Amino acid sequence: MSVRYRCLLTIGSGLLAAVVCLSPRIACADKPTSQVTIGTQTVGLVVGPFFPIRVMPGQSSKLFGAAAMPSWSMTLTDPIGSSWYRGQVSLGAELLAFGTTEPLTGYGVGVTPKLQYTFAGLDRLRPYIEGGGGPIWTDLGGRVPEQPGRFNFAVWGGAGCAWLLTPQWALNVGYRFVHISNAGTRSPNFGLNYGLPFVGLTFSLF
């Protein structure tokens, strides 16, 4: 069994266990959902496997692995607009932790502010777009041709959907594009690009 398949199996098993634990509350959550108010704080954890996306000739590494992203955010606005794009803006922060498994073993950790726009017109289904960026440290520096140093920056963007299991719990699935480079502080600076499908849970505190 490949490492990537084991990662997917582990993620799927964990998600299934979480949904089973929440099933008594899901069965009682048959009322229409209420609007998220300004100041609502949400914590969450999403995980997923990542794969390389090479868009430049100098990007030769084929690193595969998995990432975990615990996060916190706060809703900043009431719903904006009145059409299909009606939604709310939230601002938060996220810890990005990842490990590579094929063909090179390595790891990295970073912190990124994040901005999210959540479409709020579909009751329990809440599509969203999000993005962020910040510093990241990885021991891959000097071990792959794209990055000579260990201190880098990560920039990412993506989209996803949250399905409200209860008024507080939500199941999240989505996809991100992640770029890691040193912002031109060293040479070479070809950077590493990843595709990252993810799944996870969020919980609204208050």
N, C-alpha and C. Protein backbone atom coordinates (compact mmCIF):
# COMPACT_ATOMS: atom_id res chain seq x y z
N MET A 1 0.85 -1.19 0.00
CA MET A 1 0.00 0.00 0.00
C MET A 1 0.89 1.25 0.00
N SER A 2 0.68 2.17 -0.94
CA SER A 2 1.52 3.36 -1.06
C SER A 2 1.25 4.32 0.10
N VAL A 3 2.23 5.23 0.32
CA VAL A 3 2.11 6.21 1.40
C VAL A 3 0.91 7.12 1.15
N ARG A 4 0.72 7.53 -0.11
CA ARG A 4 -0.40 8.41 -0.43
C ARG A 4 -1.74 7.73 -0.15
N TYR A 5 -1.83 6.44 -0.46
CA TYR A 5 -3.08 5.72 -0.22
C TYR A 5 -3.34 5.60 1.28
N ARG A 6 -2.27 5.36 2.06
CA ARG A 6 -2.45 5.27 3.52
C ARG A 6 -2.90 6.60 4.10
N CYS A 7 -2.36 7.71 3.55
CA CYS A 7 -2.78 9.04 4.02
C CYS A 7 -4.26 9.25 3.77
N LEU A 8 -4.70 8.91 2.57
CA LEU A 8 -6.11 9.08 2.24
C LEU A 8 -7.00 8.19 3.10
N LEU A 9 -6.56 6.96 3.35
CA LEU A 9 -7.34 6.04 4.18
C LEU A 9 -7.45 6.56 5.61
N THR A 10 -6.35 7.10 6.15
CA THR A 10 -6.35 7.64 7.50
C THR A 10 -7.30 8.83 7.61
N ILE A 11 -7.23 9.74 6.63
CA ILE A 11 -8.09 10.91 6.62
C ILE A 11 -9.56 10.51 6.55
N GLY A 12 -9.87 9.58 5.64
CA GLY A 12 -11.25 9.13 5.49
C GLY A 12 -11.78 8.46 6.75
N SER A 13 -10.95 7.66 7.41
CA SER A 13 -11.38 6.98 8.62
C SER A 13 -11.64 7.98 9.74
N GLY A 14 -10.77 8.97 9.88
CA GLY A 14 -10.95 9.98 10.92
C GLY A 14 -12.21 10.80 10.70
N LEU A 15 -12.46 11.15 9.44
CA LEU A 15 -13.66 11.93 9.12
C LEU A 15 -14.92 11.12 9.39
N LEU A 16 -14.92 9.86 9.01
CA LEU A 16 -16.08 9.00 9.26
C LEU A 16 -16.34 8.87 10.75
N ALA A 17 -15.29 8.71 11.54
CA ALA A 17 -15.46 8.60 12.99
C ALA A 17 -16.06 9.88 13.58
N ALA A 18 -15.61 11.04 13.07
CA ALA A 18 -16.13 12.31 13.58
C ALA A 18 -17.61 12.47 13.26
N VAL A 19 -18.00 12.11 12.03
CA VAL A 19 -19.40 12.23 11.64
C VAL A 19 -20.28 11.28 12.45
N VAL A 20 -19.78 10.06 12.72
CA VAL A 20 -20.53 9.11 13.53
C VAL A 20 -20.74 9.65 14.94
N CYS A 21 -19.70 10.27 15.51
CA CYS A 21 -19.82 10.84 16.85
C CYS A 21 -20.83 11.98 16.90
N LEU A 22 -20.95 12.71 15.79
CA LEU A 22 -21.87 13.84 15.74
C LEU A 22 -23.27 13.46 15.30
N SER A 23 -23.48 12.20 14.90
CA SER A 23 -24.76 11.80 14.31
C SER A 23 -25.97 12.06 15.20
N PRO A 24 -25.90 11.88 16.54
CA PRO A 24 -27.09 12.21 17.35
C PRO A 24 -27.48 13.68 17.24
N ARG A 25 -26.50 14.57 17.17
CA ARG A 25 -26.81 15.99 17.02
C ARG A 25 -27.31 16.31 15.62
N ILE A 26 -26.76 15.62 14.62
CA ILE A 26 -27.19 15.86 13.24
C ILE A 26 -28.67 15.51 13.09
N ALA A 27 -29.09 14.42 13.74
CA ALA A 27 -30.47 13.98 13.62
C ALA A 27 -31.44 15.00 14.20
N CYS A 28 -30.96 15.80 15.17
CA CYS A 28 -31.83 16.80 15.79
C CYS A 28 -31.75 18.16 15.12
N ALA A 29 -30.84 18.31 14.18
CA ALA A 29 -30.61 19.62 13.56
C ALA A 29 -31.43 19.76 12.30
N ASP A 30 -32.76 19.77 12.44
CA ASP A 30 -33.63 19.81 11.26
C ASP A 30 -34.24 21.19 11.05
N LYS A 31 -33.88 22.18 11.88
CA LYS A 31 -34.42 23.51 11.72
C LYS A 31 -33.54 24.31 10.76
N PRO A 32 -34.10 25.33 10.10
CA PRO A 32 -33.28 26.18 9.24
C PRO A 32 -32.15 26.83 10.03
N THR A 33 -31.02 27.00 9.39
CA THR A 33 -29.88 27.57 10.08
C THR A 33 -30.03 29.07 10.24
N SER A 34 -29.45 29.60 11.32
CA SER A 34 -29.51 31.03 11.56
C SER A 34 -28.31 31.72 10.94
N GLN A 35 -28.41 33.02 10.77
CA GLN A 35 -27.34 33.81 10.20
C GLN A 35 -26.18 33.90 11.17
N VAL A 36 -24.95 33.82 10.64
CA VAL A 36 -23.76 33.99 11.46
C VAL A 36 -23.62 35.47 11.79
N THR A 37 -23.42 35.80 13.04
CA THR A 37 -23.36 37.18 13.48
C THR A 37 -21.92 37.69 13.49
N ILE A 38 -21.80 39.01 13.43
CA ILE A 38 -20.48 39.64 13.52
C ILE A 38 -19.83 39.28 14.85
N GLY A 39 -18.58 38.91 14.81
CA GLY A 39 -17.86 38.54 16.02
C GLY A 39 -17.84 37.05 16.31
N THR A 40 -18.58 36.25 15.52
CA THR A 40 -18.56 34.80 15.72
C THR A 40 -17.16 34.27 15.45
N GLN A 41 -16.63 33.49 16.41
CA GLN A 41 -15.30 32.92 16.27
C GLN A 41 -15.40 31.43 15.95
N THR A 42 -14.54 30.99 15.06
CA THR A 42 -14.58 29.61 14.59
C THR A 42 -13.18 29.02 14.64
N VAL A 43 -13.07 27.80 15.15
CA VAL A 43 -11.82 27.06 15.12
C VAL A 43 -12.03 25.82 14.26
N GLY A 44 -10.96 25.34 13.65
CA GLY A 44 -11.12 24.19 12.78
C GLY A 44 -9.81 23.47 12.52
N LEU A 45 -9.94 22.34 11.89
CA LEU A 45 -8.78 21.54 11.46
C LEU A 45 -9.12 20.87 10.15
N VAL A 46 -8.30 21.11 9.14
CA VAL A 46 -8.44 20.41 7.87
C VAL A 46 -7.12 19.71 7.57
N VAL A 47 -7.20 18.58 6.90
CA VAL A 47 -6.02 17.79 6.55
C VAL A 47 -6.18 17.29 5.13
N GLY A 48 -5.05 16.93 4.53
CA GLY A 48 -5.13 16.40 3.18
C GLY A 48 -3.77 16.04 2.61
N PRO A 49 -3.75 15.23 1.58
CA PRO A 49 -2.50 14.91 0.88
C PRO A 49 -2.16 16.02 -0.12
N PHE A 50 -0.89 16.21 -0.41
CA PHE A 50 -0.53 17.18 -1.45
C PHE A 50 0.35 16.52 -2.50
N PHE A 51 0.33 17.13 -3.68
CA PHE A 51 1.08 16.61 -4.82
C PHE A 51 1.73 17.78 -5.54
N PRO A 52 2.86 17.55 -6.23
CA PRO A 52 3.58 18.65 -6.87
C PRO A 52 2.88 19.15 -8.13
N ILE A 53 2.97 20.47 -8.36
CA ILE A 53 2.52 21.09 -9.60
C ILE A 53 3.72 21.85 -10.15
N ARG A 54 4.29 21.38 -11.23
CA ARG A 54 5.49 22.01 -11.79
C ARG A 54 5.09 22.86 -12.99
N VAL A 55 5.35 24.18 -12.89
CA VAL A 55 4.97 25.10 -13.95
C VAL A 55 6.18 25.78 -14.58
N MET A 56 7.37 25.57 -14.00
CA MET A 56 8.60 26.16 -14.54
C MET A 56 9.63 25.06 -14.75
N PRO A 57 10.55 25.25 -15.73
CA PRO A 57 11.57 24.23 -15.99
C PRO A 57 12.45 23.93 -14.78
N GLY A 58 12.67 24.94 -13.91
CA GLY A 58 13.52 24.73 -12.76
C GLY A 58 12.87 23.99 -11.62
N GLN A 59 11.59 23.71 -11.72
CA GLN A 59 10.87 22.98 -10.67
C GLN A 59 10.89 21.49 -11.00
N SER A 60 11.93 20.81 -10.51
CA SER A 60 12.13 19.40 -10.86
C SER A 60 11.74 18.42 -9.77
N SER A 61 11.59 18.88 -8.54
CA SER A 61 11.28 17.96 -7.44
C SER A 61 9.86 17.44 -7.56
N LYS A 62 9.68 16.19 -7.18
CA LYS A 62 8.36 15.56 -7.18
C LYS A 62 8.05 15.10 -5.76
N LEU A 63 7.72 16.05 -4.90
CA LEU A 63 7.50 15.76 -3.49
C LEU A 63 6.03 15.51 -3.21
N PHE A 64 5.77 14.40 -2.56
CA PHE A 64 4.42 14.06 -2.12
C PHE A 64 4.40 13.97 -0.60
N GLY A 65 3.24 14.25 -0.01
CA GLY A 65 3.14 14.17 1.43
C GLY A 65 1.75 14.51 1.92
N ALA A 66 1.67 15.01 3.15
CA ALA A 66 0.39 15.35 3.75
C ALA A 66 0.56 16.61 4.59
N ALA A 67 -0.55 17.34 4.77
CA ALA A 67 -0.52 18.59 5.52
C ALA A 67 -1.70 18.66 6.47
N ALA A 68 -1.51 19.38 7.57
CA ALA A 68 -2.57 19.65 8.55
C ALA A 68 -2.60 21.14 8.82
N MET A 69 -3.81 21.72 8.85
CA MET A 69 -3.96 23.16 9.01
C MET A 69 -4.99 23.50 10.09
N PRO A 70 -4.59 23.59 11.35
CA PRO A 70 -5.50 24.13 12.38
C PRO A 70 -5.67 25.63 12.18
N SER A 71 -6.87 26.15 12.46
CA SER A 71 -7.12 27.56 12.15
C SER A 71 -8.08 28.19 13.16
N TRP A 72 -8.07 29.52 13.17
CA TRP A 72 -9.01 30.34 13.93
C TRP A 72 -9.44 31.50 13.05
N SER A 73 -10.71 31.89 13.13
CA SER A 73 -11.18 33.03 12.35
C SER A 73 -12.34 33.71 13.08
N MET A 74 -12.60 34.97 12.67
CA MET A 74 -13.70 35.74 13.24
C MET A 74 -14.48 36.40 12.11
N THR A 75 -15.79 36.32 12.17
CA THR A 75 -16.66 36.95 11.18
C THR A 75 -16.64 38.46 11.38
N LEU A 76 -16.38 39.21 10.30
CA LEU A 76 -16.23 40.66 10.39
C LEU A 76 -17.43 41.45 9.90
N THR A 77 -18.27 40.84 9.06
CA THR A 77 -19.35 41.61 8.44
C THR A 77 -20.68 40.87 8.51
N ASP A 78 -21.75 41.65 8.39
CA ASP A 78 -23.05 41.07 8.10
C ASP A 78 -23.05 40.64 6.64
N PRO A 79 -24.06 39.87 6.19
CA PRO A 79 -24.10 39.48 4.78
C PRO A 79 -24.04 40.68 3.85
N ILE A 80 -23.18 40.57 2.83
CA ILE A 80 -22.98 41.62 1.83
C ILE A 80 -23.68 41.20 0.55
N GLY A 81 -24.46 42.11 -0.04
CA GLY A 81 -25.14 41.81 -1.30
C GLY A 81 -26.46 41.13 -1.09
N SER A 82 -27.20 40.95 -2.21
CA SER A 82 -28.53 40.36 -2.13
C SER A 82 -28.77 39.33 -3.23
N SER A 83 -27.76 39.04 -4.03
CA SER A 83 -27.90 38.07 -5.11
C SER A 83 -27.16 36.79 -4.74
N TRP A 84 -26.75 36.02 -5.77
CA TRP A 84 -26.08 34.75 -5.51
C TRP A 84 -24.76 34.92 -4.76
N TYR A 85 -24.16 36.11 -4.88
CA TYR A 85 -22.87 36.36 -4.24
C TYR A 85 -23.01 36.84 -2.79
N ARG A 86 -24.20 36.87 -2.26
CA ARG A 86 -24.42 37.31 -0.87
C ARG A 86 -23.56 36.48 0.08
N GLY A 87 -22.78 37.18 0.91
CA GLY A 87 -21.90 36.44 1.80
C GLY A 87 -21.28 37.32 2.86
N GLN A 88 -20.38 36.70 3.65
CA GLN A 88 -19.75 37.37 4.78
C GLN A 88 -18.24 37.21 4.73
N VAL A 89 -17.54 38.21 5.26
CA VAL A 89 -16.08 38.21 5.29
C VAL A 89 -15.60 37.84 6.68
N SER A 90 -14.59 36.98 6.73
CA SER A 90 -13.97 36.64 8.00
C SER A 90 -12.45 36.73 7.87
N LEU A 91 -11.82 37.03 8.98
CA LEU A 91 -10.36 37.17 9.03
C LEU A 91 -9.83 36.27 10.13
N GLY A 92 -8.70 35.62 9.88
CA GLY A 92 -8.17 34.72 10.88
C GLY A 92 -6.71 34.40 10.67
N ALA A 93 -6.28 33.32 11.29
CA ALA A 93 -4.90 32.86 11.19
C ALA A 93 -4.88 31.35 11.14
N GLU A 94 -3.80 30.83 10.58
CA GLU A 94 -3.73 29.38 10.36
C GLU A 94 -2.30 28.91 10.55
N LEU A 95 -2.17 27.74 11.14
CA LEU A 95 -0.89 27.06 11.24
C LEU A 95 -0.81 26.04 10.11
N LEU A 96 0.25 26.12 9.31
CA LEU A 96 0.46 25.18 8.22
C LEU A 96 1.59 24.25 8.60
N ALA A 97 1.28 22.97 8.77
CA ALA A 97 2.28 21.95 9.10
C ALA A 97 2.22 20.86 8.05
N PHE A 98 3.36 20.49 7.50
CA PHE A 98 3.35 19.47 6.46
C PHE A 98 4.57 18.57 6.58
N GLY A 99 4.44 17.39 6.00
CA GLY A 99 5.55 16.45 5.94
C GLY A 99 5.59 15.80 4.58
N THR A 100 6.77 15.69 4.00
CA THR A 100 6.93 15.00 2.72
C THR A 100 7.37 13.57 2.97
N THR A 101 6.92 12.68 2.13
CA THR A 101 7.21 11.25 2.31
C THR A 101 7.84 10.61 1.09
N GLU A 102 7.60 11.15 -0.08
CA GLU A 102 8.13 10.59 -1.32
C GLU A 102 8.63 11.72 -2.22
N PRO A 103 9.80 11.61 -2.82
CA PRO A 103 10.86 10.60 -2.56
C PRO A 103 11.80 11.01 -1.45
N LEU A 104 11.55 12.18 -0.83
CA LEU A 104 12.42 12.73 0.20
C LEU A 104 11.60 12.99 1.46
N THR A 105 12.12 12.62 2.61
CA THR A 105 11.42 12.86 3.87
C THR A 105 11.82 14.22 4.44
N GLY A 106 10.83 15.04 4.71
CA GLY A 106 11.09 16.36 5.27
C GLY A 106 9.84 16.90 5.94
N TYR A 107 9.95 18.09 6.50
CA TYR A 107 8.78 18.68 7.15
C TYR A 107 8.91 20.20 7.13
N GLY A 108 7.84 20.87 7.45
CA GLY A 108 7.83 22.31 7.50
C GLY A 108 6.68 22.80 8.38
N VAL A 109 6.80 24.03 8.87
CA VAL A 109 5.76 24.62 9.70
C VAL A 109 5.78 26.13 9.48
N GLY A 110 4.60 26.72 9.42
CA GLY A 110 4.50 28.15 9.21
C GLY A 110 3.18 28.69 9.75
N VAL A 111 3.08 30.01 9.79
CA VAL A 111 1.87 30.69 10.25
C VAL A 111 1.45 31.68 9.18
N THR A 112 0.18 31.65 8.80
CA THR A 112 -0.32 32.57 7.78
C THR A 112 -1.62 33.22 8.22
N PRO A 113 -1.73 34.55 8.09
CA PRO A 113 -3.05 35.16 8.19
C PRO A 113 -3.93 34.65 7.04
N LYS A 114 -5.24 34.64 7.23
CA LYS A 114 -6.14 34.17 6.17
C LYS A 114 -7.37 35.06 6.08
N LEU A 115 -7.85 35.22 4.85
CA LEU A 115 -9.06 35.98 4.57
C LEU A 115 -10.03 35.06 3.85
N GLN A 116 -11.28 35.06 4.27
CA GLN A 116 -12.26 34.14 3.70
C GLN A 116 -13.57 34.88 3.40
N TYR A 117 -14.15 34.55 2.24
CA TYR A 117 -15.47 35.06 1.89
C TYR A 117 -16.40 33.86 1.76
N THR A 118 -17.44 33.83 2.59
CA THR A 118 -18.36 32.70 2.63
C THR A 118 -19.71 33.10 2.05
N PHE A 119 -20.16 32.36 1.04
CA PHE A 119 -21.47 32.61 0.44
C PHE A 119 -22.56 32.07 1.38
N ALA A 120 -23.53 32.92 1.68
CA ALA A 120 -24.45 32.60 2.77
C ALA A 120 -25.89 32.41 2.33
N GLY A 121 -26.14 32.20 1.04
CA GLY A 121 -27.52 32.14 0.58
C GLY A 121 -28.07 30.75 0.36
N LEU A 122 -27.36 29.70 0.78
CA LEU A 122 -27.78 28.33 0.49
C LEU A 122 -28.06 27.53 1.77
N ASP A 123 -28.50 28.18 2.81
CA ASP A 123 -28.85 27.53 4.07
C ASP A 123 -27.67 26.73 4.62
N ARG A 124 -27.75 25.40 4.67
CA ARG A 124 -26.69 24.61 5.30
C ARG A 124 -25.42 24.52 4.46
N LEU A 125 -25.52 24.68 3.17
CA LEU A 125 -24.35 24.62 2.30
C LEU A 125 -23.71 26.00 2.22
N ARG A 126 -22.45 26.11 2.59
CA ARG A 126 -21.75 27.39 2.63
C ARG A 126 -20.46 27.32 1.80
N PRO A 127 -20.53 27.57 0.49
CA PRO A 127 -19.30 27.64 -0.31
C PRO A 127 -18.46 28.83 0.12
N TYR A 128 -17.16 28.74 -0.09
CA TYR A 128 -16.30 29.87 0.28
C TYR A 128 -15.04 29.88 -0.58
N ILE A 129 -14.46 31.08 -0.67
CA ILE A 129 -13.13 31.25 -1.26
C ILE A 129 -12.24 31.83 -0.18
N GLU A 130 -10.95 31.50 -0.23
CA GLU A 130 -10.06 31.91 0.84
C GLU A 130 -8.63 32.03 0.32
N GLY A 131 -7.82 32.74 1.08
CA GLY A 131 -6.42 32.88 0.72
C GLY A 131 -5.62 33.41 1.89
N GLY A 132 -4.31 33.26 1.79
CA GLY A 132 -3.44 33.73 2.86
C GLY A 132 -1.98 33.62 2.48
N GLY A 133 -1.13 34.05 3.38
CA GLY A 133 0.30 33.96 3.14
C GLY A 133 1.08 34.37 4.37
N GLY A 134 2.29 33.82 4.51
CA GLY A 134 3.10 34.14 5.67
C GLY A 134 4.40 33.36 5.67
N PRO A 135 5.21 33.52 6.72
CA PRO A 135 6.51 32.85 6.80
C PRO A 135 6.37 31.36 7.08
N ILE A 136 7.33 30.61 6.59
CA ILE A 136 7.34 29.17 6.81
C ILE A 136 8.79 28.68 6.90
N TRP A 137 9.01 27.74 7.79
CA TRP A 137 10.33 27.13 7.96
C TRP A 137 10.23 25.68 7.53
N THR A 138 11.22 25.23 6.76
CA THR A 138 11.23 23.84 6.30
C THR A 138 12.65 23.32 6.22
N ASP A 139 12.85 22.06 6.56
CA ASP A 139 14.18 21.48 6.47
C ASP A 139 14.52 21.02 5.06
N LEU A 140 13.66 21.32 4.09
CA LEU A 140 13.95 20.98 2.70
C LEU A 140 14.96 21.94 2.08
N GLY A 141 15.20 23.09 2.74
CA GLY A 141 16.15 24.05 2.21
C GLY A 141 17.53 23.45 2.04
N GLY A 142 18.09 23.56 0.83
CA GLY A 142 19.38 22.97 0.53
C GLY A 142 19.34 21.51 0.15
N ARG A 143 18.17 20.89 0.28
CA ARG A 143 18.02 19.47 -0.06
C ARG A 143 17.26 19.27 -1.36
N VAL A 144 16.64 20.32 -1.84
CA VAL A 144 15.96 20.29 -3.13
C VAL A 144 16.51 21.44 -3.96
N PRO A 145 16.60 21.28 -5.28
CA PRO A 145 17.24 22.32 -6.11
C PRO A 145 16.47 23.64 -6.16
N GLU A 146 15.16 23.63 -5.84
CA GLU A 146 14.37 24.84 -5.94
C GLU A 146 14.62 25.84 -4.80
N GLN A 147 15.06 25.33 -3.63
CA GLN A 147 15.17 26.18 -2.45
C GLN A 147 16.52 25.99 -1.77
N PRO A 148 17.34 27.06 -1.69
CA PRO A 148 18.64 26.94 -1.03
C PRO A 148 18.60 27.14 0.48
N GLY A 149 17.54 27.75 1.01
CA GLY A 149 17.47 28.05 2.44
C GLY A 149 16.27 27.45 3.12
N ARG A 150 16.29 27.46 4.45
CA ARG A 150 15.20 26.86 5.22
C ARG A 150 14.07 27.84 5.53
N PHE A 151 14.35 29.15 5.54
CA PHE A 151 13.31 30.13 5.82
C PHE A 151 12.71 30.60 4.50
N ASN A 152 11.39 30.44 4.38
CA ASN A 152 10.70 30.77 3.14
C ASN A 152 9.36 31.44 3.45
N PHE A 153 8.60 31.65 2.40
CA PHE A 153 7.26 32.21 2.51
C PHE A 153 6.28 31.32 1.76
N ALA A 154 5.08 31.17 2.32
CA ALA A 154 4.03 30.41 1.66
C ALA A 154 2.89 31.35 1.29
N VAL A 155 2.40 31.22 0.07
CA VAL A 155 1.23 31.94 -0.40
C VAL A 155 0.25 30.91 -0.93
N TRP A 156 -1.01 31.01 -0.55
CA TRP A 156 -1.97 30.00 -0.98
C TRP A 156 -3.34 30.62 -1.23
N GLY A 157 -4.11 29.93 -2.05
CA GLY A 157 -5.48 30.33 -2.31
C GLY A 157 -6.29 29.11 -2.68
N GLY A 158 -7.58 29.18 -2.45
CA GLY A 158 -8.41 28.02 -2.76
C GLY A 158 -9.88 28.27 -2.56
N ALA A 159 -10.63 27.20 -2.65
CA ALA A 159 -12.07 27.27 -2.49
C ALA A 159 -12.55 25.99 -1.82
N GLY A 160 -13.71 26.08 -1.19
CA GLY A 160 -14.25 24.91 -0.52
C GLY A 160 -15.72 25.09 -0.21
N CYS A 161 -16.27 24.09 0.46
CA CYS A 161 -17.67 24.12 0.89
C CYS A 161 -17.76 23.62 2.32
N ALA A 162 -18.58 24.29 3.10
CA ALA A 162 -18.88 23.84 4.45
C ALA A 162 -20.33 23.38 4.49
N TRP A 163 -20.58 22.22 5.05
CA TRP A 163 -21.93 21.71 5.23
C TRP A 163 -22.21 21.70 6.73
N LEU A 164 -23.21 22.47 7.16
CA LEU A 164 -23.51 22.60 8.58
C LEU A 164 -24.17 21.33 9.11
N LEU A 165 -23.43 20.57 9.89
CA LEU A 165 -23.96 19.36 10.50
C LEU A 165 -24.90 19.72 11.66
N THR A 166 -24.51 20.72 12.41
CA THR A 166 -25.31 21.28 13.52
C THR A 166 -25.11 22.79 13.46
N PRO A 167 -25.80 23.57 14.31
CA PRO A 167 -25.54 25.02 14.30
C PRO A 167 -24.09 25.39 14.60
N GLN A 168 -23.32 24.49 15.20
CA GLN A 168 -21.92 24.80 15.54
C GLN A 168 -20.91 24.01 14.74
N TRP A 169 -21.20 22.77 14.41
CA TRP A 169 -20.26 21.92 13.69
C TRP A 169 -20.51 21.96 12.19
N ALA A 170 -19.40 21.97 11.41
CA ALA A 170 -19.52 21.94 9.96
C ALA A 170 -18.44 21.04 9.36
N LEU A 171 -18.84 20.30 8.34
CA LEU A 171 -17.92 19.49 7.56
C LEU A 171 -17.39 20.32 6.40
N ASN A 172 -16.07 20.31 6.21
CA ASN A 172 -15.44 21.12 5.16
C ASN A 172 -14.69 20.25 4.18
N VAL A 173 -14.85 20.54 2.89
CA VAL A 173 -14.05 19.92 1.84
C VAL A 173 -13.64 21.02 0.87
N GLY A 174 -12.47 20.89 0.26
CA GLY A 174 -12.04 21.91 -0.66
C GLY A 174 -10.70 21.58 -1.30
N TYR A 175 -10.15 22.60 -1.97
CA TYR A 175 -8.88 22.44 -2.69
C TYR A 175 -8.09 23.74 -2.60
N ARG A 176 -6.78 23.62 -2.44
CA ARG A 176 -5.90 24.77 -2.40
C ARG A 176 -4.72 24.61 -3.35
N PHE A 177 -4.24 25.76 -3.83
CA PHE A 177 -2.95 25.83 -4.52
C PHE A 177 -1.99 26.54 -3.58
N VAL A 178 -0.84 25.92 -3.32
CA VAL A 178 0.14 26.45 -2.38
C VAL A 178 1.46 26.69 -3.10
N HIS A 179 2.03 27.88 -2.92
CA HIS A 179 3.35 28.21 -3.48
C HIS A 179 4.29 28.55 -2.33
N ILE A 180 5.46 27.91 -2.31
CA ILE A 180 6.48 28.16 -1.31
C ILE A 180 7.75 28.62 -2.00
N SER A 181 8.25 29.79 -1.61
CA SER A 181 9.51 30.31 -2.16
C SER A 181 10.13 31.26 -1.15
N ASN A 182 11.34 31.77 -1.47
CA ASN A 182 12.03 32.67 -0.54
C ASN A 182 11.86 34.13 -0.90
N ALA A 183 10.93 34.44 -1.79
CA ALA A 183 10.61 35.83 -2.18
C ALA A 183 11.81 36.57 -2.75
N GLY A 184 12.70 35.84 -3.39
CA GLY A 184 13.85 36.47 -4.02
C GLY A 184 14.97 36.85 -3.08
N THR A 185 14.95 36.37 -1.83
CA THR A 185 16.02 36.71 -0.89
C THR A 185 17.27 35.88 -1.10
N ARG A 186 17.17 34.78 -1.83
CA ARG A 186 18.32 33.95 -2.17
C ARG A 186 18.17 33.46 -3.60
N SER A 187 19.26 32.92 -4.12
CA SER A 187 19.22 32.36 -5.47
C SER A 187 19.77 30.93 -5.42
N PRO A 188 19.11 30.00 -6.11
CA PRO A 188 17.93 30.17 -6.98
C PRO A 188 16.64 30.30 -6.17
N ASN A 189 15.58 30.67 -6.87
CA ASN A 189 14.28 30.83 -6.22
C ASN A 189 13.17 30.35 -7.16
N PHE A 190 13.27 29.11 -7.57
CA PHE A 190 12.25 28.56 -8.46
C PHE A 190 10.93 28.31 -7.73
N GLY A 191 11.02 27.99 -6.45
CA GLY A 191 9.82 27.76 -5.67
C GLY A 191 9.24 26.37 -5.85
N LEU A 192 8.38 26.00 -4.91
CA LEU A 192 7.67 24.72 -4.94
C LEU A 192 6.18 25.00 -4.97
N ASN A 193 5.46 24.32 -5.85
CA ASN A 193 4.01 24.46 -5.97
C ASN A 193 3.34 23.14 -5.63
N TYR A 194 2.21 23.25 -4.91
CA TYR A 194 1.49 22.04 -4.52
C TYR A 194 -0.01 22.20 -4.75
N GLY A 195 -0.64 21.11 -5.11
CA GLY A 195 -2.09 21.01 -5.07
C GLY A 195 -2.47 20.29 -3.80
N LEU A 196 -3.46 20.81 -3.09
CA LEU A 196 -3.81 20.26 -1.77
C LEU A 196 -5.32 20.12 -1.61
N PRO A 197 -5.89 18.95 -1.94
CA PRO A 197 -7.29 18.70 -1.57
C PRO A 197 -7.38 18.46 -0.07
N PHE A 198 -8.44 18.93 0.56
CA PHE A 198 -8.51 18.81 2.02
C PHE A 198 -9.92 18.48 2.49
N VAL A 199 -10.00 17.98 3.71
CA VAL A 199 -11.26 17.69 4.37
C VAL A 199 -11.06 17.93 5.86
N GLY A 200 -12.12 18.35 6.55
CA GLY A 200 -11.97 18.59 7.97
C GLY A 200 -13.25 19.07 8.61
N LEU A 201 -13.13 19.54 9.85
CA LEU A 201 -14.26 19.99 10.64
C LEU A 201 -13.97 21.38 11.21
N THR A 202 -15.01 22.19 11.35
CA THR A 202 -14.90 23.47 12.05
C THR A 202 -15.98 23.53 13.14
N PHE A 203 -15.69 24.35 14.16
CA PHE A 203 -16.60 24.49 15.29
C PHE A 203 -16.71 25.97 15.64
N SER A 204 -17.94 26.50 15.66
CA SER A 204 -18.19 27.89 16.02
C SER A 204 -18.29 28.02 17.52
N LEU A 205 -17.43 28.85 18.09
CA LEU A 205 -17.38 28.97 19.54
C LEU A 205 -18.52 29.84 20.07
N PHE A 206 -18.66 31.05 19.55
CA PHE A 206 -19.70 31.97 19.98
C PHE A 206 -19.74 33.13 19.00
